[in-house]
PDB file of all heavy atoms in Angstrom:
ATOM      1  N   VAL A   1       0.872  -1.172   0.000  1.00  0.00           N
ATOM      2  CA  VAL A   1       0.000   0.000   0.000  1.00  0.00           C
ATOM      3  C   VAL A   1       0.909   1.221   0.000  1.00  0.00           C
ATOM      4  O   VAL A   1       1.696   1.423   0.930  1.00  0.00           O
ATOM      5  CB  VAL A   1      -0.925   0.027   1.234  1.00  0.00           C
ATOM      6  CG1 VAL A   1      -1.795   1.291   1.215  1.00  0.00           C
ATOM      7  CG2 VAL A   1      -1.803  -1.220   1.290  1.00  0.00           C
ATOM      8  N   TYR A   2       0.837   2.015  -1.052  1.00  0.00           N
ATOM      9  CA  TYR A   2       1.733   3.152  -1.207  1.00  0.00           C
ATOM     10  C   TYR A   2       1.173   4.394  -0.526  1.00  0.00           C
ATOM     11  O   TYR A   2      -0.041   4.504  -0.306  1.00  0.00           O
ATOM     12  CB  TYR A   2       1.994   3.407  -2.691  1.00  0.00           C
ATOM     13  CG  TYR A   2       2.903   2.366  -3.298  1.00  0.00           C
ATOM     14  CD1 TYR A   2       2.424   1.103  -3.639  1.00  0.00           C
ATOM     15  CD2 TYR A   2       4.262   2.625  -3.495  1.00  0.00           C
ATOM     16  CE1 TYR A   2       3.263   0.126  -4.166  1.00  0.00           C
ATOM     17  CE2 TYR A   2       5.108   1.664  -4.023  1.00  0.00           C
ATOM     18  CZ  TYR A   2       4.602   0.415  -4.356  1.00  0.00           C
ATOM     19  OH  TYR A   2       5.433  -0.543  -4.864  1.00  0.00           O
ATOM     20  N   LEU A   3       2.067   5.310  -0.176  1.00  0.00           N
ATOM     21  CA  LEU A   3       1.682   6.507   0.566  1.00  0.00           C
ATOM     22  C   LEU A   3       1.433   7.679  -0.380  1.00  0.00           C
ATOM     23  O   LEU A   3       2.215   7.935  -1.297  1.00  0.00           O
ATOM     24  CB  LEU A   3       2.782   6.897   1.557  1.00  0.00           C
ATOM     25  CG  LEU A   3       3.203   5.848   2.587  1.00  0.00           C
ATOM     26  CD1 LEU A   3       4.237   6.445   3.532  1.00  0.00           C
ATOM     27  CD2 LEU A   3       2.002   5.332   3.362  1.00  0.00           C
ATOM     28  N   VAL A   4       0.329   8.370  -0.118  1.00  0.00           N
ATOM     29  CA  VAL A   4       0.016   9.626  -0.794  1.00  0.00           C
ATOM     30  C   VAL A   4       0.049  10.730   0.258  1.00  0.00           C
ATOM     31  O   VAL A   4      -0.496  10.569   1.355  1.00  0.00           O
ATOM     32  CB  VAL A   4      -1.371   9.565  -1.468  1.00  0.00           C
ATOM     33  CG1 VAL A   4      -1.824  10.956  -1.906  1.00  0.00           C
ATOM     34  CG2 VAL A   4      -1.347   8.629  -2.660  1.00  0.00           C
ATOM     35  N   LYS A   5       0.680  11.841  -0.051  1.00  0.00           N
ATOM     36  CA  LYS A   5       0.818  12.943   0.896  1.00  0.00           C
ATOM     37  C   LYS A   5      -0.527  13.598   1.157  1.00  0.00           C
ATOM     38  O   LYS A   5      -1.194  14.071   0.235  1.00  0.00           O
ATOM     39  CB  LYS A   5       1.811  13.977   0.365  1.00  0.00           C
ATOM     40  CG  LYS A   5       2.075  15.123   1.325  1.00  0.00           C
ATOM     41  CD  LYS A   5       3.073  16.108   0.734  1.00  0.00           C
ATOM     42  CE  LYS A   5       3.322  17.274   1.686  1.00  0.00           C
ATOM     43  NZ  LYS A   5       4.271  18.262   1.098  1.00  0.00           N
ATOM     44  N   GLY A   6      -0.924  13.610   2.424  1.00  0.00           N
ATOM     45  CA  GLY A   6      -2.169  14.253   2.819  1.00  0.00           C
ATOM     46  C   GLY A   6      -1.952  15.709   3.169  1.00  0.00           C
ATOM     47  O   GLY A   6      -0.975  16.342   2.780  1.00  0.00           O
ATOM     48  N   ASP A   7      -2.885  16.235   3.949  1.00  0.00           N
ATOM     49  CA  ASP A   7      -2.846  17.645   4.320  1.00  0.00           C
ATOM     50  C   ASP A   7      -3.389  17.788   5.733  1.00  0.00           C
ATOM     51  O   ASP A   7      -4.365  17.124   6.089  1.00  0.00           O
ATOM     52  CB  ASP A   7      -3.683  18.466   3.336  1.00  0.00           C
ATOM     53  CG  ASP A   7      -3.453  19.958   3.480  1.00  0.00           C
ATOM     54  OD1 ASP A   7      -3.834  20.509   4.525  1.00  0.00           O
ATOM     55  OD2 ASP A   7      -2.914  20.578   2.545  1.00  0.00           O
ATOM     56  N   GLY A   8      -2.774  18.676   6.506  1.00  0.00           N
ATOM     57  CA  GLY A   8      -3.222  18.878   7.874  1.00  0.00           C
ATOM     58  C   GLY A   8      -4.647  19.397   7.978  1.00  0.00           C
ATOM     59  O   GLY A   8      -5.307  19.211   9.007  1.00  0.00           O
ATOM     60  N   THR A   9      -5.144  20.045   6.919  1.00  0.00           N
ATOM     61  CA  THR A   9      -6.518  20.546   6.945  1.00  0.00           C
ATOM     62  C   THR A   9      -7.545  19.482   6.553  1.00  0.00           C
ATOM     63  O   THR A   9      -8.744  19.725   6.663  1.00  0.00           O
ATOM     64  CB  THR A   9      -6.689  21.757   6.016  1.00  0.00           C
ATOM     65  OG1 THR A   9      -6.427  21.359   4.662  1.00  0.00           O
ATOM     66  CG2 THR A   9      -5.756  22.881   6.405  1.00  0.00           C
ATOM     67  N   ASN A  10      -7.075  18.329   6.119  1.00  0.00           N
ATOM     68  CA  ASN A  10      -7.984  17.240   5.729  1.00  0.00           C
ATOM     69  C   ASN A  10      -8.458  16.520   6.996  1.00  0.00           C
ATOM     70  O   ASN A  10      -8.250  15.325   7.183  1.00  0.00           O
ATOM     71  CB  ASN A  10      -7.254  16.288   4.789  1.00  0.00           C
ATOM     72  CG  ASN A  10      -8.148  15.174   4.252  1.00  0.00           C
ATOM     73  OD1 ASN A  10      -9.369  15.325   4.168  1.00  0.00           O
ATOM     74  ND2 ASN A  10      -7.546  14.038   3.913  1.00  0.00           N
ATOM     75  N   ILE A  11      -9.127  17.273   7.858  1.00  0.00           N
ATOM     76  CA  ILE A  11      -9.496  16.764   9.181  1.00  0.00           C
ATOM     77  C   ILE A  11     -10.756  15.916   9.122  1.00  0.00           C
ATOM     78  O   ILE A  11     -11.590  16.060   8.226  1.00  0.00           O
ATOM     79  CB  ILE A  11      -9.701  17.912  10.189  1.00  0.00           C
ATOM     80  CG1 ILE A  11     -10.884  18.801   9.769  1.00  0.00           C
ATOM     81  CG2 ILE A  11      -8.430  18.720  10.355  1.00  0.00           C
ATOM     82  CD1 ILE A  11     -11.320  19.793  10.834  1.00  0.00           C
ATOM     83  N   LYS A  12     -10.889  15.038  10.108  1.00  0.00           N
ATOM     84  CA  LYS A  12     -12.103  14.256  10.296  1.00  0.00           C
ATOM     85  C   LYS A  12     -12.909  14.925  11.397  1.00  0.00           C
ATOM     86  O   LYS A  12     -12.450  15.035  12.539  1.00  0.00           O
ATOM     87  CB  LYS A  12     -11.758  12.819  10.677  1.00  0.00           C
ATOM     88  CG  LYS A  12     -12.959  11.897  10.771  1.00  0.00           C
ATOM     89  CD  LYS A  12     -12.515  10.469  11.070  1.00  0.00           C
ATOM     90  CE  LYS A  12     -13.713   9.521  11.092  1.00  0.00           C
ATOM     91  NZ  LYS A  12     -13.283   8.126  11.398  1.00  0.00           N
ATOM     92  N   VAL A  13     -14.098  15.383  11.074  1.00  0.00           N
ATOM     93  CA  VAL A  13     -14.924  16.096  12.038  1.00  0.00           C
ATOM     94  C   VAL A  13     -15.587  15.063  12.952  1.00  0.00           C
ATOM     95  O   VAL A  13     -16.526  14.376  12.550  1.00  0.00           O
ATOM     96  CB  VAL A  13     -15.975  16.964  11.332  1.00  0.00           C
ATOM     97  CG1 VAL A  13     -16.799  17.735  12.364  1.00  0.00           C
ATOM     98  CG2 VAL A  13     -15.299  17.932  10.363  1.00  0.00           C
ATOM     99  N   THR A  14     -15.084  14.970  14.167  1.00  0.00           N
ATOM    100  CA  THR A  14     -15.508  13.922  15.098  1.00  0.00           C
ATOM    101  C   THR A  14     -16.047  14.479  16.407  1.00  0.00           C
ATOM    102  O   THR A  14     -17.059  14.006  16.923  1.00  0.00           O
ATOM    103  CB  THR A  14     -14.323  12.983  15.404  1.00  0.00           C
ATOM    104  OG1 THR A  14     -13.808  12.463  14.172  1.00  0.00           O
ATOM    105  CG2 THR A  14     -14.754  11.825  16.301  1.00  0.00           C
ATOM    106  N   TYR A  15     -15.367  15.500  16.944  1.00  0.00           N
ATOM    107  CA  TYR A  15     -15.714  16.060  18.246  1.00  0.00           C
ATOM    108  C   TYR A  15     -16.221  17.494  18.083  1.00  0.00           C
ATOM    109  O   TYR A  15     -15.969  18.141  17.047  1.00  0.00           O
ATOM    110  CB  TYR A  15     -14.494  16.038  19.161  1.00  0.00           C
ATOM    111  CG  TYR A  15     -13.984  14.640  19.451  1.00  0.00           C
ATOM    112  CD1 TYR A  15     -12.873  14.129  18.778  1.00  0.00           C
ATOM    113  CD2 TYR A  15     -14.618  13.833  20.391  1.00  0.00           C
ATOM    114  CE1 TYR A  15     -12.405  12.851  19.045  1.00  0.00           C
ATOM    115  CE2 TYR A  15     -14.152  12.550  20.670  1.00  0.00           C
ATOM    116  CZ  TYR A  15     -13.046  12.067  19.992  1.00  0.00           C
ATOM    117  OH  TYR A  15     -12.598  10.800  20.252  1.00  0.00           O
ATOM    118  N   PRO A  16     -16.927  18.026  19.101  1.00  0.00           N
ATOM    119  CA  PRO A  16     -17.454  19.394  18.993  1.00  0.00           C
ATOM    120  C   PRO A  16     -16.407  20.438  18.630  1.00  0.00           C
ATOM    121  O   PRO A  16     -16.687  21.351  17.840  1.00  0.00           O
ATOM    122  CB  PRO A  16     -18.035  19.639  20.392  1.00  0.00           C
ATOM    123  CG  PRO A  16     -18.472  18.292  20.857  1.00  0.00           C
ATOM    124  CD  PRO A  16     -17.418  17.343  20.327  1.00  0.00           C
ATOM    125  N   HIS A  17     -15.180  20.321  19.169  1.00  0.00           N
ATOM    126  CA  HIS A  17     -14.166  21.330  18.847  1.00  0.00           C
ATOM    127  C   HIS A  17     -13.746  21.264  17.383  1.00  0.00           C
ATOM    128  O   HIS A  17     -13.220  22.243  16.842  1.00  0.00           O
ATOM    129  CB  HIS A  17     -12.946  21.203  19.768  1.00  0.00           C
ATOM    130  CG  HIS A  17     -12.203  19.917  19.615  1.00  0.00           C
ATOM    131  ND1 HIS A  17     -12.382  18.836  20.455  1.00  0.00           N
ATOM    132  CD2 HIS A  17     -11.250  19.527  18.719  1.00  0.00           C
ATOM    133  CE1 HIS A  17     -11.584  17.857  20.096  1.00  0.00           C
ATOM    134  NE2 HIS A  17     -10.894  18.240  19.043  1.00  0.00           N
ATOM    135  N   ASP A  18     -13.974  20.113  16.739  1.00  0.00           N
ATOM    136  CA  ASP A  18     -13.646  20.009  15.318  1.00  0.00           C
ATOM    137  C   ASP A  18     -14.540  20.916  14.475  1.00  0.00           C
ATOM    138  O   ASP A  18     -14.134  21.365  13.390  1.00  0.00           O
ATOM    139  CB  ASP A  18     -13.796  18.561  14.831  1.00  0.00           C
ATOM    140  CG  ASP A  18     -12.784  17.621  15.463  1.00  0.00           C
ATOM    141  OD1 ASP A  18     -11.663  18.065  15.748  1.00  0.00           O
ATOM    142  OD2 ASP A  18     -13.130  16.439  15.680  1.00  0.00           O
ATOM    143  N   LEU A  19     -15.755  21.172  14.942  1.00  0.00           N
ATOM    144  CA  LEU A  19     -16.669  22.060  14.214  1.00  0.00           C
ATOM    145  C   LEU A  19     -16.117  23.482  14.170  1.00  0.00           C
ATOM    146  O   LEU A  19     -16.251  24.178  13.153  1.00  0.00           O
ATOM    147  CB  LEU A  19     -18.053  22.048  14.856  1.00  0.00           C
ATOM    148  CG  LEU A  19     -18.841  20.737  14.757  1.00  0.00           C
ATOM    149  CD1 LEU A  19     -20.101  20.809  15.613  1.00  0.00           C
ATOM    150  CD2 LEU A  19     -19.192  20.438  13.309  1.00  0.00           C
ATOM    151  N   ILE A  20     -15.490  23.910  15.255  1.00  0.00           N
ATOM    152  CA  ILE A  20     -14.894  25.245  15.295  1.00  0.00           C
ATOM    153  C   ILE A  20     -13.748  25.335  14.295  1.00  0.00           C
ATOM    154  O   ILE A  20     -13.630  26.298  13.532  1.00  0.00           O
ATOM    155  CB  ILE A  20     -14.402  25.561  16.722  1.00  0.00           C
ATOM    156  CG1 ILE A  20     -15.574  25.539  17.704  1.00  0.00           C
ATOM    157  CG2 ILE A  20     -13.684  26.914  16.756  1.00  0.00           C
ATOM    158  CD1 ILE A  20     -15.144  25.642  19.166  1.00  0.00           C
ATOM    159  N   LEU A  21     -12.904  24.303  14.281  1.00  0.00           N
ATOM    160  CA  LEU A  21     -11.782  24.274  13.341  1.00  0.00           C
ATOM    161  C   LEU A  21     -12.285  24.200  11.906  1.00  0.00           C
ATOM    162  O   LEU A  21     -11.752  24.878  11.013  1.00  0.00           O
ATOM    163  CB  LEU A  21     -10.879  23.080  13.652  1.00  0.00           C
ATOM    164  CG  LEU A  21      -9.670  22.874  12.741  1.00  0.00           C
ATOM    165  CD1 LEU A  21      -8.792  24.122  12.703  1.00  0.00           C
ATOM    166  CD2 LEU A  21      -8.861  21.665  13.205  1.00  0.00           C
ATOM    167  N   ALA A  22     -13.322  23.391  11.667  1.00  0.00           N
ATOM    168  CA  ALA A  22     -13.866  23.242  10.317  1.00  0.00           C
ATOM    169  C   ALA A  22     -14.403  24.562   9.798  1.00  0.00           C
ATOM    170  O   ALA A  22     -14.190  24.937   8.630  1.00  0.00           O
ATOM    171  CB  ALA A  22     -14.965  22.186  10.313  1.00  0.00           C
ATOM    172  N   LYS A  23     -15.109  25.305  10.644  1.00  0.00           N
ATOM    173  CA  LYS A  23     -15.632  26.601  10.223  1.00  0.00           C
ATOM    174  C   LYS A  23     -14.491  27.572   9.906  1.00  0.00           C
ATOM    175  O   LYS A  23     -14.550  28.329   8.926  1.00  0.00           O
ATOM    176  CB  LYS A  23     -16.532  27.207  11.298  1.00  0.00           C
ATOM    177  CG  LYS A  23     -17.253  28.473  10.854  1.00  0.00           C
ATOM    178  CD  LYS A  23     -18.158  29.009  11.929  1.00  0.00           C
ATOM    179  CE  LYS A  23     -19.002  30.170  11.395  1.00  0.00           C
ATOM    180  NZ  LYS A  23     -18.191  31.239  10.751  1.00  0.00           N
ATOM    181  N   ALA A  24     -13.430  27.524  10.716  1.00  0.00           N
ATOM    182  CA  ALA A  24     -12.282  28.387  10.461  1.00  0.00           C
ATOM    183  C   ALA A  24     -11.622  28.059   9.130  1.00  0.00           C
ATOM    184  O   ALA A  24     -11.209  28.960   8.394  1.00  0.00           O
ATOM    185  CB  ALA A  24     -11.271  28.248  11.610  1.00  0.00           C
ATOM    186  N   ILE A  25     -11.519  26.766   8.812  1.00  0.00           N
ATOM    187  CA  ILE A  25     -10.929  26.363   7.530  1.00  0.00           C
ATOM    188  C   ILE A  25     -11.797  26.861   6.380  1.00  0.00           C
ATOM    189  O   ILE A  25     -11.277  27.398   5.381  1.00  0.00           O
ATOM    190  CB  ILE A  25     -10.769  24.832   7.474  1.00  0.00           C
ATOM    191  CG1 ILE A  25      -9.739  24.358   8.497  1.00  0.00           C
ATOM    192  CG2 ILE A  25     -10.348  24.396   6.061  1.00  0.00           C
ATOM    193  CD1 ILE A  25      -9.668  22.842   8.647  1.00  0.00           C
ATOM    194  N   LEU A  26     -13.114  26.680   6.494  1.00  0.00           N
ATOM    195  CA  LEU A  26     -14.013  27.166   5.443  1.00  0.00           C
ATOM    196  C   LEU A  26     -13.905  28.663   5.260  1.00  0.00           C
ATOM    197  O   LEU A  26     -13.825  29.171   4.133  1.00  0.00           O
ATOM    198  CB  LEU A  26     -15.460  26.778   5.780  1.00  0.00           C
ATOM    199  CG  LEU A  26     -15.949  25.408   5.346  1.00  0.00           C
ATOM    200  CD1 LEU A  26     -17.406  25.223   5.768  1.00  0.00           C
ATOM    201  CD2 LEU A  26     -15.813  25.200   3.846  1.00  0.00           C
ATOM    202  N   ASP A  27     -13.905  29.391   6.368  1.00  0.00           N
ATOM    203  CA  ASP A  27     -13.838  30.845   6.286  1.00  0.00           C
ATOM    204  C   ASP A  27     -12.521  31.316   5.678  1.00  0.00           C
ATOM    205  O   ASP A  27     -12.484  32.316   4.944  1.00  0.00           O
ATOM    206  CB  ASP A  27     -14.007  31.454   7.676  1.00  0.00           C
ATOM    207  CG  ASP A  27     -15.429  31.291   8.222  1.00  0.00           C
ATOM    208  OD1 ASP A  27     -16.337  30.996   7.429  1.00  0.00           O
ATOM    209  OD2 ASP A  27     -15.614  31.427   9.446  1.00  0.00           O
ATOM    210  N   SER A  28     -11.442  30.590   5.949  1.00  0.00           N
ATOM    211  CA  SER A  28     -10.136  30.981   5.420  1.00  0.00           C
ATOM    212  C   SER A  28     -10.022  30.717   3.920  1.00  0.00           C
ATOM    213  O   SER A  28      -9.172  31.300   3.249  1.00  0.00           O
ATOM    214  CB  SER A  28      -9.017  30.247   6.148  1.00  0.00           C
ATOM    215  OG  SER A  28      -9.026  28.856   5.837  1.00  0.00           O
TER     216      SER A  28
END
């Protein structure tokens, strides 16, 4: 299984604080 470079913003929205980060990413 070969590696593809991901991105730190490719977050998995799992916890309530992730919603805050997700909105910040969208706004940016």
